Amino acid sequence: MAPRAVSRSSLLNHMAREHSFSIGLPDNIVYCSEFLDTLQDKLDSLQCLYCEKTFRDKTTLKDHMRKKAHRRINAKNHEYDRFYVINYLELGKTWEEVQSEDDRELADDEDE
């Protein structure tokens, strides 16, 4: 029997719902298969996706990620930037710069 094709949204929703793993809004992900492969490679290398520390076995890694609430990727690791659509909106700006501009606009709107 051939493996059942899993949709991007169901896989990302599974990660969030079953593992409390946050990658931000799924609609903002581009190159999703490559992104998931990158995450899987890190986990296969027994590396925490958040602090990027390497562990001796899978159980220790899972316990670490659960106990430390490292259920997200490291936003400061720019290797992930290519997987988020926001990084393609304004050339020459990082997602952090675009996000801070959005935050300033929201604050300005509230002041009016």
PDB file of N, CA and C in Angstrom:
ATOM      1  N   MET A   1       0.851  -1.176   0.000  1.00  0.00           N
ATOM      2  CA  MET A   1       0.000   0.000   0.000  1.00  0.00           C
ATOM      3  C   MET A   1       0.894   1.235   0.000  1.00  0.00           C
ATOM      4  N   ALA A   2       0.591   2.186  -0.854  1.00  0.00           N
ATOM      5  CA  ALA A   2       1.366   3.418  -0.949  1.00  0.00           C
ATOM      6  C   ALA A   2       1.054   4.312   0.245  1.00  0.00           C
ATOM      7  N   PRO A   3       2.071   5.085   0.723  1.00  0.00           N
ATOM      8  CA  PRO A   3       1.802   5.980   1.852  1.00  0.00           C
ATOM      9  C   PRO A   3       0.796   7.054   1.455  1.00  0.00           C
ATOM     10  N   ARG A   4      -0.045   7.401   2.401  1.00  0.00           N
ATOM     11  CA  ARG A   4      -1.068   8.423   2.159  1.00  0.00           C
ATOM     12  C   ARG A   4      -0.410   9.797   2.104  1.00  0.00           C
ATOM     13  N   ALA A   5      -0.783  10.561   1.103  1.00  0.00           N
ATOM     14  CA  ALA A   5      -0.247  11.919   0.990  1.00  0.00           C
ATOM     15  C   ALA A   5      -0.827  12.771   2.115  1.00  0.00           C
ATOM     16  N   VAL A   6       0.040  13.472   2.802  1.00  0.00           N
ATOM     17  CA  VAL A   6      -0.376  14.320   3.911  1.00  0.00           C
ATOM     18  C   VAL A   6      -0.287  15.772   3.446  1.00  0.00           C
ATOM     19  N   SER A   7      -1.345  16.513   3.657  1.00  0.00           N
ATOM     20  CA  SER A   7      -1.330  17.908   3.232  1.00  0.00           C
ATOM     21  C   SER A   7      -0.463  18.743   4.168  1.00  0.00           C
ATOM     22  N   ARG A   8       0.051  19.808   3.621  1.00  0.00           N
ATOM     23  CA  ARG A   8       0.901  20.721   4.389  1.00  0.00           C
ATOM     24  C   ARG A   8       0.159  21.223   5.619  1.00  0.00           C
ATOM     25  N   SER A   9      -1.084  21.659   5.427  1.00  0.00           N
ATOM     26  CA  SER A   9      -1.825  22.223   6.557  1.00  0.00           C
ATOM     27  C   SER A   9      -2.087  21.180   7.639  1.00  0.00           C
ATOM     28  N   SER A  10      -2.415  19.935   7.242  1.00  0.00           N
ATOM     29  CA  SER A  10      -2.683  18.927   8.274  1.00  0.00           C
ATOM     30  C   SER A  10      -1.413  18.587   9.047  1.00  0.00           C
ATOM     31  N   LEU A  11      -0.265  18.563   8.368  1.00  0.00           N
ATOM     32  CA  LEU A  11       0.990  18.275   9.056  1.00  0.00           C
ATOM     33  C   LEU A  11       1.363  19.408  10.017  1.00  0.00           C
ATOM     34  N   LEU A  12       1.254  20.649   9.568  1.00  0.00           N
ATOM     35  CA  LEU A  12       1.588  21.780  10.430  1.00  0.00           C
ATOM     36  C   LEU A  12       0.605  21.890  11.595  1.00  0.00           C
ATOM     37  N   ASN A  13      -0.667  21.603  11.323  1.00  0.00           N
ATOM     38  CA  ASN A  13      -1.666  21.607  12.405  1.00  0.00           C
ATOM     39  C   ASN A  13      -1.381  20.494  13.407  1.00  0.00           C
ATOM     40  N   HIS A  14      -0.953  19.324  12.920  1.00  0.00           N
ATOM     41  CA  HIS A  14      -0.582  18.223  13.808  1.00  0.00           C
ATOM     42  C   HIS A  14       0.583  18.645  14.714  1.00  0.00           C
ATOM     43  N   MET A  15       1.593  19.285  14.129  1.00  0.00           N
ATOM     44  CA  MET A  15       2.749  19.733  14.917  1.00  0.00           C
ATOM     45  C   MET A  15       2.300  20.671  16.026  1.00  0.00           C
ATOM     46  N   ALA A  16       1.393  21.590  15.693  1.00  0.00           N
ATOM     47  CA  ALA A  16       0.919  22.556  16.689  1.00  0.00           C
ATOM     48  C   ALA A  16       0.022  21.900  17.735  1.00  0.00           C
ATOM     49  N   ARG A  17      -0.932  21.109  17.283  1.00  0.00           N
ATOM     50  CA  ARG A  17      -1.931  20.527  18.191  1.00  0.00           C
ATOM     51  C   ARG A  17      -1.353  19.402  19.049  1.00  0.00           C
ATOM     52  N   GLU A  18      -0.666  18.468  18.434  1.00  0.00           N
ATOM     53  CA  GLU A  18      -0.199  17.282  19.158  1.00  0.00           C
ATOM     54  C   GLU A  18       1.127  17.492  19.885  1.00  0.00           C
ATOM     55  N   HIS A  19       1.954  18.396  19.383  1.00  0.00           N
ATOM     56  CA  HIS A  19       3.284  18.576  19.961  1.00  0.00           C
ATOM     57  C   HIS A  19       3.512  19.983  20.502  1.00  0.00           C
ATOM     58  N   SER A  20       2.493  20.839  20.423  1.00  0.00           N
ATOM     59  CA  SER A  20       2.596  22.237  20.863  1.00  0.00           C
ATOM     60  C   SER A  20       3.817  22.912  20.259  1.00  0.00           C
ATOM     61  N   PHE A  21       4.129  22.549  19.009  1.00  0.00           N
ATOM     62  CA  PHE A  21       5.305  23.084  18.333  1.00  0.00           C
ATOM     63  C   PHE A  21       4.873  24.235  17.447  1.00  0.00           C
ATOM     64  N   SER A  22       5.432  25.407  17.699  1.00  0.00           N
ATOM     65  CA  SER A  22       5.036  26.612  16.989  1.00  0.00           C
ATOM     66  C   SER A  22       6.065  27.015  15.940  1.00  0.00           C
ATOM     67  N   ILE A  23       5.587  27.249  14.737  1.00  0.00           N
ATOM     68  CA  ILE A  23       6.452  27.774  13.679  1.00  0.00           C
ATOM     69  C   ILE A  23       5.913  29.112  13.177  1.00  0.00           C
ATOM     70  N   GLY A  24       4.940  29.671  13.881  1.00  0.00           N
ATOM     71  CA  GLY A  24       4.277  30.879  13.411  1.00  0.00           C
ATOM     72  C   GLY A  24       3.069  30.473  12.573  1.00  0.00           C
ATOM     73  N   LEU A  25       2.568  31.400  11.787  1.00  0.00           N
ATOM     74  CA  LEU A  25       1.394  31.122  10.968  1.00  0.00           C
ATOM     75  C   LEU A  25       1.762  30.210   9.803  1.00  0.00           C
ATOM     76  N   PRO A  26       1.092  29.068   9.656  1.00  0.00           N
ATOM     77  CA  PRO A  26       1.410  28.151   8.559  1.00  0.00           C
ATOM     78  C   PRO A  26       1.306  28.794   7.178  1.00  0.00           C
ATOM     79  N   ASP A  27       0.403  29.775   7.014  1.00  0.00           N
ATOM     80  CA  ASP A  27       0.262  30.435   5.716  1.00  0.00           C
ATOM     81  C   ASP A  27       1.494  31.245   5.332  1.00  0.00           C
ATOM     82  N   ASN A  28       2.357  31.520   6.289  1.00  0.00           N
ATOM     83  CA  ASN A  28       3.576  32.294   6.013  1.00  0.00           C
ATOM     84  C   ASN A  28       4.748  31.426   5.597  1.00  0.00           C
ATOM     85  N   ILE A  29       4.566  30.118   5.570  1.00  0.00           N
ATOM     86  CA  ILE A  29       5.655  29.199   5.236  1.00  0.00           C
ATOM     87  C   ILE A  29       5.742  29.013   3.722  1.00  0.00           C
ATOM     88  N   VAL A  30       6.946  29.133   3.192  1.00  0.00           N
ATOM     89  CA  VAL A  30       7.227  28.817   1.789  1.00  0.00           C
ATOM     90  C   VAL A  30       8.273  27.710   1.776  1.00  0.00           C
ATOM     91  N   TYR A  31       8.355  26.981   0.672  1.00  0.00           N
ATOM     92  CA  TYR A  31       9.277  25.836   0.576  1.00  0.00           C
ATOM     93  C   TYR A  31       9.051  24.900   1.758  1.00  0.00           C
ATOM     94  N   CYS A  32       7.796  24.571   1.995  1.00  0.00           N
ATOM     95  CA  CYS A  32       7.403  23.816   3.190  1.00  0.00           C
ATOM     96  C   CYS A  32       8.112  22.465   3.299  1.00  0.00           C
ATOM     97  N   SER A  33       8.194  21.718   2.210  1.00  0.00           N
ATOM     98  CA  SER A  33       8.847  20.401   2.265  1.00  0.00           C
ATOM     99  C   SER A  33      10.298  20.525   2.679  1.00  0.00           C
ATOM    100  N   GLU A  34      10.982  21.499   2.110  1.00  0.00           N
ATOM    101  CA  GLU A  34      12.390  21.717   2.457  1.00  0.00           C
ATOM    102  C   GLU A  34      12.515  22.160   3.913  1.00  0.00           C
ATOM    103  N   PHE A  35      11.590  22.995   4.368  1.00  0.00           N
ATOM    104  CA  PHE A  35      11.570  23.449   5.755  1.00  0.00           C
ATOM    105  C   PHE A  35      11.422  22.254   6.705  1.00  0.00           C
ATOM    106  N   LEU A  36      10.449  21.387   6.407  1.00  0.00           N
ATOM    107  CA  LEU A  36      10.223  20.218   7.258  1.00  0.00           C
ATOM    108  C   LEU A  36      11.417  19.267   7.208  1.00  0.00           C
ATOM    109  N   ASP A  37      12.047  19.138   6.038  1.00  0.00           N
ATOM    110  CA  ASP A  37      13.255  18.306   5.934  1.00  0.00           C
ATOM    111  C   ASP A  37      14.382  18.869   6.793  1.00  0.00           C
ATOM    112  N   THR A  38      14.516  20.188   6.817  1.00  0.00           N
ATOM    113  CA  THR A  38      15.541  20.844   7.636  1.00  0.00           C
ATOM    114  C   THR A  38      15.300  20.551   9.115  1.00  0.00           C
ATOM    115  N   LEU A  39      14.044  20.672   9.541  1.00  0.00           N
ATOM    116  CA  LEU A  39      13.705  20.374  10.939  1.00  0.00           C
ATOM    117  C   LEU A  39      13.979  18.908  11.255  1.00  0.00           C
ATOM    118  N   GLN A  40      13.598  18.013  10.335  1.00  0.00           N
ATOM    119  CA  GLN A  40      13.807  16.582  10.555  1.00  0.00           C
ATOM    120  C   GLN A  40      15.296  16.247  10.633  1.00  0.00           C
ATOM    121  N   ASP A  41      16.102  16.876   9.776  1.00  0.00           N
ATOM    122  CA  ASP A  41      17.554  16.641   9.807  1.00  0.00           C
ATOM    123  C   ASP A  41      18.146  17.021  11.160  1.00  0.00           C
ATOM    124  N   LYS A  42      17.679  18.151  11.706  1.00  0.00           N
ATOM    125  CA  LYS A  42      18.178  18.594  13.008  1.00  0.00           C
ATOM    126  C   LYS A  42      17.762  17.611  14.101  1.00  0.00           C
ATOM    127  N   LEU A  43      16.513  17.180  14.048  1.00  0.00           N
ATOM    128  CA  LEU A  43      16.048  16.212  15.045  1.00  0.00           C
ATOM    129  C   LEU A  43      16.777  14.884  14.899  1.00  0.00           C
ATOM    130  N   ASP A  44      17.010  14.449  13.665  1.00  0.00           N
ATOM    131  CA  ASP A  44      17.757  13.204  13.436  1.00  0.00           C
ATOM    132  C   ASP A  44      19.189  13.310  13.953  1.00  0.00           C
ATOM    133  N   SER A  45      19.727  14.533  13.977  1.00  0.00           N
ATOM    134  CA  SER A  45      21.073  14.772  14.519  1.00  0.00           C
ATOM    135  C   SER A  45      21.041  15.013  16.022  1.00  0.00           C
ATOM    136  N   LEU A  46      19.847  14.814  16.608  1.00  0.00           N
ATOM    137  CA  LEU A  46      19.628  14.969  18.057  1.00  0.00           C
ATOM    138  C   LEU A  46      19.889  16.393  18.533  1.00  0.00           C
ATOM    139  N   GLN A  47      19.478  17.356  17.702  1.00  0.00           N
ATOM    140  CA  GLN A  47      19.691  18.774  18.007  1.00  0.00           C
ATOM    141  C   GLN A  47      18.366  19.436  18.359  1.00  0.00           C
ATOM    142  N   CYS A  48      18.356  20.181  19.467  1.00  0.00           N
ATOM    143  CA  CYS A  48      17.182  20.970  19.860  1.00  0.00           C
ATOM    144  C   CYS A  48      16.936  22.035  18.805  1.00  0.00           C
ATOM    145  N   LEU A  49      15.688  22.201  18.387  1.00  0.00           N
ATOM    146  CA  LEU A  49      15.364  23.169  17.346  1.00  0.00           C
ATOM    147  C   LEU A  49      15.420  24.604  17.850  1.00  0.00           C
ATOM    148  N   TYR A  50      15.340  24.788  19.159  1.00  0.00           N
ATOM    149  CA  TYR A  50      15.366  26.143  19.705  1.00  0.00           C
ATOM    150  C   TYR A  50      16.764  26.562  20.153  1.00  0.00           C
ATOM    151  N   CYS A  51      17.341  25.869  21.115  1.00  0.00           N
ATOM    152  CA  CYS A  51      18.656  26.289  21.633  1.00  0.00           C
ATOM    153  C   CYS A  51      19.809  25.698  20.816  1.00  0.00           C
ATOM    154  N   GLU A  52      19.487  24.701  19.986  1.00  0.00           N
ATOM    155  CA  GLU A  52      20.435  24.082  19.062  1.00  0.00           C
ATOM    156  C   GLU A  52      21.537  23.272  19.745  1.00  0.00           C
ATOM    157  N   LYS A  53      21.308  22.917  20.994  1.00  0.00           N
ATOM    158  CA  LYS A  53      22.218  22.033  21.719  1.00  0.00           C
ATOM    159  C   LYS A  53      21.989  20.602  21.225  1.00  0.00           C
ATOM    160  N   THR A  54      23.045  19.809  21.165  1.00  0.00           N
ATOM    161  CA  THR A  54      22.960  18.417  20.721  1.00  0.00           C
ATOM    162  C   THR A  54      22.923  17.486  21.936  1.00  0.00           C
ATOM    163  N   PHE A  55      22.103  16.435  21.838  1.00  0.00           N
ATOM    164  CA  PHE A  55      21.902  15.506  22.947  1.00  0.00           C
ATOM    165  C   PHE A  55      22.362  14.105  22.581  1.00  0.00           C
ATOM    166  N   ARG A  56      22.508  13.257  23.587  1.00  0.00           N
ATOM    167  CA  ARG A  56      23.085  11.928  23.377  1.00  0.00           C
ATOM    168  C   ARG A  56      22.100  10.931  22.782  1.00  0.00           C
ATOM    169  N   ASP A  57      20.788  11.154  23.009  1.00  0.00           N
ATOM    170  CA  ASP A  57      19.792  10.240  22.440  1.00  0.00           C
ATOM    171  C   ASP A  57      18.459  10.964  22.269  1.00  0.00           C
ATOM    172  N   LYS A  58      17.562  10.323  21.554  1.00  0.00           N
ATOM    173  CA  LYS A  58      16.278  10.941  21.205  1.00  0.00           C
ATOM    174  C   LYS A  58      15.416  11.217  22.439  1.00  0.00           C
ATOM    175  N   THR A  59      15.425  10.317  23.398  1.00  0.00           N
ATOM    176  CA  THR A  59      14.619  10.496  24.616  1.00  0.00           C
ATOM    177  C   THR A  59      15.082  11.721  25.397  1.00  0.00           C
ATOM    178  N   THR A  60      16.388  11.889  25.530  1.00  0.00           N
ATOM    179  CA  THR A  60      16.924  13.051  26.252  1.00  0.00           C
ATOM    180  C   THR A  60      16.563  14.342  25.514  1.00  0.00           C
ATOM    181  N   LEU A  61      16.660  14.324  24.197  1.00  0.00           N
ATOM    182  CA  LEU A  61      16.278  15.493  23.391  1.00  0.00           C
ATOM    183  C   LEU A  61      14.806  15.832  23.599  1.00  0.00           C
ATOM    184  N   LYS A  62      13.930  14.825  23.510  1.00  0.00           N
ATOM    185  CA  LYS A  62      12.498  15.067  23.686  1.00  0.00           C
ATOM    186  C   LYS A  62      12.197  15.611  25.081  1.00  0.00           C
ATOM    187  N   ASP A  63      12.820  15.024  26.104  1.00  0.00           N
ATOM    188  CA  ASP A  63      12.616  15.505  27.479  1.00  0.00           C
ATOM    189  C   ASP A  63      13.073  16.951  27.617  1.00  0.00           C
ATOM    190  N   HIS A  64      14.230  17.265  27.047  1.00  0.00           N
ATOM    191  CA  HIS A  64      14.755  18.636  27.094  1.00  0.00           C
ATOM    192  C   HIS A  64      13.781  19.617  26.445  1.00  0.00           C
ATOM    193  N   MET A  65      13.331  19.311  25.224  1.00  0.00           N
ATOM    194  CA  MET A  65      12.446  20.229  24.497  1.00  0.00           C
ATOM    195  C   MET A  65      11.125  20.417  25.239  1.00  0.00           C
ATOM    196  N   ARG A  66      10.631  19.357  25.857  1.00  0.00           N
ATOM    197  CA  ARG A  66       9.377  19.450  26.602  1.00  0.00           C
ATOM    198  C   ARG A  66       9.567  20.246  27.890  1.00  0.00           C
ATOM    199  N   LYS A  67      10.574  19.893  28.698  1.00  0.00           N
ATOM    200  CA  LYS A  67      10.786  20.539  29.999  1.00  0.00           C
ATOM    201  C   LYS A  67      11.185  21.998  29.875  1.00  0.00           C
ATOM    202  N   LYS A  68      11.982  22.330  28.865  1.00  0.00           N
ATOM    203  CA  LYS A  68      12.433  23.712  28.673  1.00  0.00           C
ATOM    204  C   LYS A  68      11.469  24.528  27.810  1.00  0.00           C
ATOM    205  N   ALA A  69      10.373  23.911  27.358  1.00  0.00           N
ATOM    206  CA  ALA A  69       9.407  24.553  26.459  1.00  0.00           C
ATOM    207  C   ALA A  69      10.095  25.059  25.182  1.00  0.00           C
ATOM    208  N   HIS A  70      11.021  24.257  24.676  1.00  0.00           N
ATOM    209  CA  HIS A  70      11.715  24.586  23.421  1.00  0.00           C
ATOM    210  C   HIS A  70      10.941  23.979  22.251  1.00  0.00           C
ATOM    211  N   ARG A  71       9.683  24.379  22.144  1.00  0.00           N
ATOM    212  CA  ARG A  71       8.778  23.849  21.124  1.00  0.00           C
ATOM    213  C   ARG A  71       8.574  24.866  20.013  1.00  0.00           C
ATOM    214  N   ARG A  72       9.676  25.423  19.561  1.00  0.00           N
ATOM    215  CA  ARG A  72       9.658  26.406  18.482  1.00  0.00           C
ATOM    216  C   ARG A  72      11.062  26.453  17.899  1.00  0.00           C
ATOM    217  N   ILE A  73      11.173  27.130  16.773  1.00  0.00           N
ATOM    218  CA  ILE A  73      12.504  27.262  16.179  1.00  0.00           C
ATOM    219  C   ILE A  73      13.179  28.512  16.730  1.00  0.00           C
ATOM    220  N   ASN A  74      14.466  28.583  16.552  1.00  0.00           N
ATOM    221  CA  ASN A  74      15.254  29.721  17.014  1.00  0.00           C
ATOM    222  C   ASN A  74      15.126  30.853  15.996  1.00  0.00           C
ATOM    223  N   ALA A  75      14.401  31.906  16.343  1.00  0.00           N
ATOM    224  CA  ALA A  75      14.174  33.024  15.425  1.00  0.00           C
ATOM    225  C   ALA A  75      15.463  33.753  15.062  1.00  0.00           C
ATOM    226  N   LYS A  76      16.486  33.619  15.868  1.00  0.00           N
ATOM    227  CA  LYS A  76      17.762  34.289  15.577  1.00  0.00           C
ATOM    228  C   LYS A  76      18.626  33.485  14.598  1.00  0.00           C
ATOM    229  N   ASN A  77      18.226  32.251  14.303  1.00  0.00           N
ATOM    230  CA  ASN A  77      18.943  31.443  13.323  1.00  0.00           C
ATOM    231  C   ASN A  77      18.426  31.808  11.932  1.00  0.00           C
ATOM    232  N   HIS A  78      19.231  32.537  11.196  1.00  0.00           N
ATOM    233  CA  HIS A  78      18.798  33.066   9.894  1.00  0.00           C
ATOM    234  C   HIS A  78      18.715  31.991   8.822  1.00  0.00           C
ATOM    235  N   GLU A  79      19.115  30.766   9.132  1.00  0.00           N
ATOM    236  CA  GLU A  79      18.930  29.645   8.211  1.00  0.00           C
ATOM    237  C   GLU A  79      17.439  29.463   7.893  1.00  0.00           C
ATOM    238  N   TYR A  80      16.564  29.817   8.840  1.00  0.00           N
ATOM    239  CA  TYR A  80      15.124  29.647   8.665  1.00  0.00           C
ATOM    240  C   TYR A  80      14.474  30.773   7.867  1.00  0.00           C
ATOM    241  N   ASP A  81      15.159  31.893   7.693  1.00  0.00           N
ATOM    242  CA  ASP A  81      14.550  33.061   7.042  1.00  0.00           C
ATOM    243  C   ASP A  81      13.965  32.741   5.672  1.00  0.00           C
ATOM    244  N   ARG A  82      14.633  31.888   4.915  1.00  0.00           N
ATOM    245  CA  ARG A  82      14.174  31.604   3.547  1.00  0.00           C
ATOM    246  C   ARG A  82      12.841  30.872   3.515  1.00  0.00           C
ATOM    247  N   PHE A  83      12.387  30.358   4.647  1.00  0.00           N
ATOM    248  CA  PHE A  83      11.144  29.600   4.684  1.00  0.00           C
ATOM    249  C   PHE A  83       9.920  30.448   5.051  1.00  0.00           C
ATOM    250  N   TYR A  84      10.106  31.740   5.267  1.00  0.00           N
ATOM    251  CA  TYR A  84       9.005  32.610   5.663  1.00  0.00           C
ATOM    252  C   TYR A  84       8.772  33.680   4.611  1.00  0.00           C
ATOM    253  N   VAL A  85       7.533  33.779   4.143  1.00  0.00           N
ATOM    254  CA  VAL A  85       7.183  34.680   3.051  1.00  0.00           C
ATOM    255  C   VAL A  85       7.504  36.141   3.395  1.00  0.00           C
ATOM    256  N   ILE A  86       7.455  36.509   4.666  1.00  0.00           N
ATOM    257  CA  ILE A  86       7.716  37.893   5.061  1.00  0.00           C
ATOM    258  C   ILE A  86       9.116  38.344   4.627  1.00  0.00           C
ATOM    259  N   ASN A  87      10.038  37.408   4.511  1.00  0.00           N
ATOM    260  CA  ASN A  87      11.401  37.752   4.113  1.00  0.00           C
ATOM    261  C   ASN A  87      11.525  38.069   2.630  1.00  0.00           C
ATOM    262  N   TYR A  88      10.458  37.850   1.878  1.00  0.00           N
ATOM    263  CA  TYR A  88      10.473  38.142   0.447  1.00  0.00           C
ATOM    264  C   TYR A  88       9.659  39.389   0.112  1.00  0.00           C
ATOM    265  N   LEU A  89       9.056  40.002   1.110  1.00  0.00           N
ATOM    266  CA  LEU A  89       8.180  41.142   0.859  1.00  0.00           C
ATOM    267  C   LEU A  89       8.946  42.421   0.576  1.00  0.00           C
ATOM    268  N   GLU A  90      10.008  42.673   1.306  1.00  0.00           N
ATOM    269  CA  GLU A  90      10.808  43.877   1.099  1.00  0.00           C
ATOM    270  C   GLU A  90      12.276  43.477   1.061  1.00  0.00           C
ATOM    271  N   LEU A  91      12.842  43.537  -0.132  1.00  0.00           N
ATOM    272  CA  LEU A  91      14.236  43.150  -0.290  1.00  0.00           C
ATOM    273  C   LEU A  91      15.142  44.020   0.570  1.00  0.00           C
ATOM    274  N   GLY A  92      16.128  43.396   1.164  1.00  0.00           N
ATOM    275  CA  GLY A  92      17.099  44.128   1.969  1.00  0.00           C
ATOM    276  C   GLY A  92      16.699  44.299   3.420  1.00  0.00           C
ATOM    277  N   LYS A  93      15.488  43.858   3.783  1.00  0.00           N
ATOM    278  CA  LYS A  93      15.046  43.963   5.174  1.00  0.00           C
ATOM    279  C   LYS A  93      14.872  42.570   5.745  1.00  0.00           C
ATOM    280  N   THR A  94      15.233  42.416   7.011  1.00  0.00           N
ATOM    281  CA  THR A  94      15.011  41.140   7.686  1.00  0.00           C
ATOM    282  C   THR A  94      13.568  41.101   8.179  1.00  0.00           C
ATOM    283  N   TRP A  95      13.106  39.891   8.522  1.00  0.00           N
ATOM    284  CA  TRP A  95      11.745  39.771   9.039  1.00  0.00           C
ATOM    285  C   TRP A  95      11.585  40.565  10.324  1.00  0.00           C
ATOM    286  N   GLU A  96      12.677  40.690  11.106  1.00  0.00           N
ATOM    287  CA  GLU A  96      12.586  41.441  12.363  1.00  0.00           C
ATOM    288  C   GLU A  96      12.334  42.925  12.090  1.00  0.00           C
ATOM    289  N   GLU A  97      12.962  43.475  11.039  1.00  0.00           N
ATOM    290  CA  GLU A  97      12.747  44.885  10.690  1.00  0.00           C
ATOM    291  C   GLU A  97      11.316  45.105  10.204  1.00  0.00           C
ATOM    292  N   VAL A  98      10.819  44.193   9.358  1.00  0.00           N
ATOM    293  CA  VAL A  98       9.450  44.316   8.859  1.00  0.00           C
ATOM    294  C   VAL A  98       8.467  44.198  10.018  1.00  0.00           C
ATOM    295  N   GLN A  99       8.711  43.259  10.930  1.00  0.00           N
ATOM    296  CA  GLN A  99       7.825  43.064  12.079  1.00  0.00           C
ATOM    297  C   GLN A  99       7.809  44.298  12.975  1.00  0.00           C
ATOM    298  N   SER A 100       8.965  44.907  13.224  1.00  0.00           N
ATOM    299  CA  SER A 100       9.000  46.084  14.090  1.00  0.00           C
ATOM    300  C   SER A 100       8.273  47.250  13.427  1.00  0.00           C
ATOM    301  N   GLU A 101       8.337  47.363  12.097  1.00  0.00           N
ATOM    302  CA  GLU A 101       7.574  48.403  11.397  1.00  0.00           C
ATOM    303  C   GLU A 101       6.080  48.169  11.573  1.00  0.00           C
ATOM    304  N   ASP A 102       5.645  46.902  11.436  1.00  0.00           N
ATOM    305  CA  ASP A 102       4.234  46.573  11.627  1.00  0.00           C
ATOM    306  C   ASP A 102       3.795  46.925  13.034  1.00  0.00           C
ATOM    307  N   ASP A 103       4.632  46.631  14.033  1.00  0.00           N
ATOM    308  CA  ASP A 103       4.306  46.944  15.421  1.00  0.00           C
ATOM    309  C   ASP A 103       4.184  48.445  15.629  1.00  0.00           C
ATOM    310  N   ARG A 104       5.076  49.230  15.012  1.00  0.00           N
ATOM    311  CA  ARG A 104       5.002  50.696  15.144  1.00  0.00           C
ATOM    312  C   ARG A 104       3.723  51.226  14.515  1.00  0.00           C
ATOM    313  N   GLU A 105       3.330  50.681  13.361  1.00  0.00           N
ATOM    314  CA  GLU A 105       2.098  51.114  12.699  1.00  0.00           C
ATOM    315  C   GLU A 105       0.897  50.834  13.574  1.00  0.00           C
ATOM    316  N   LEU A 106       0.869  49.674  14.227  1.00  0.00           N
ATOM    317  CA  LEU A 106      -0.239  49.344  15.114  1.00  0.00           C
ATOM    318  C   LEU A 106      -0.297  50.307  16.283  1.00  0.00           C
ATOM    319  N   ALA A 107       0.845  50.657  16.849  1.00  0.00           N
ATOM    320  CA  ALA A 107       0.895  51.596  17.971  1.00  0.00           C
ATOM    321  C   ALA A 107       0.408  52.978  17.525  1.00  0.00           C
ATOM    322  N   ASP A 108       0.806  53.403  16.330  1.00  0.00           N
ATOM    323  CA  ASP A 108       0.373  54.696  15.803  1.00  0.00           C
ATOM    324  C   ASP A 108      -1.146  54.718  15.596  1.00  0.00           C
ATOM    325  N   ASP A 109      -1.701  53.630  15.095  1.00  0.00           N
ATOM    326  CA  ASP A 109      -3.149  53.549  14.877  1.00  0.00           C
ATOM    327  C   ASP A 109      -3.904  53.636  16.189  1.00  0.00           C
ATOM    328  N   GLU A 110      -3.378  53.029  17.248  1.00  0.00           N
ATOM    329  CA  GLU A 110      -4.035  53.062  18.540  1.00  0.00           C
ATOM    330  C   GLU A 110      -3.990  54.454  19.158  1.00  0.00           C
ATOM    331  N   ASP A 111      -2.938  55.237  18.833  1.00  0.00           N
ATOM    332  CA  ASP A 111      -2.809  56.586  19.369  1.00  0.00           C
ATOM    333  C   ASP A 111      -3.839  57.542  18.768  1.00  0.00           C
ATOM    334  N   GLU A 112      -4.302  57.241  17.567  1.00  0.00           N
ATOM    335  CA  GLU A 112      -5.232  58.164  16.868  1.00  0.00           C
ATOM    336  C   GLU A 112      -6.623  58.083  17.389  1.00  0.00           C
TER     337      GLU A 112
END
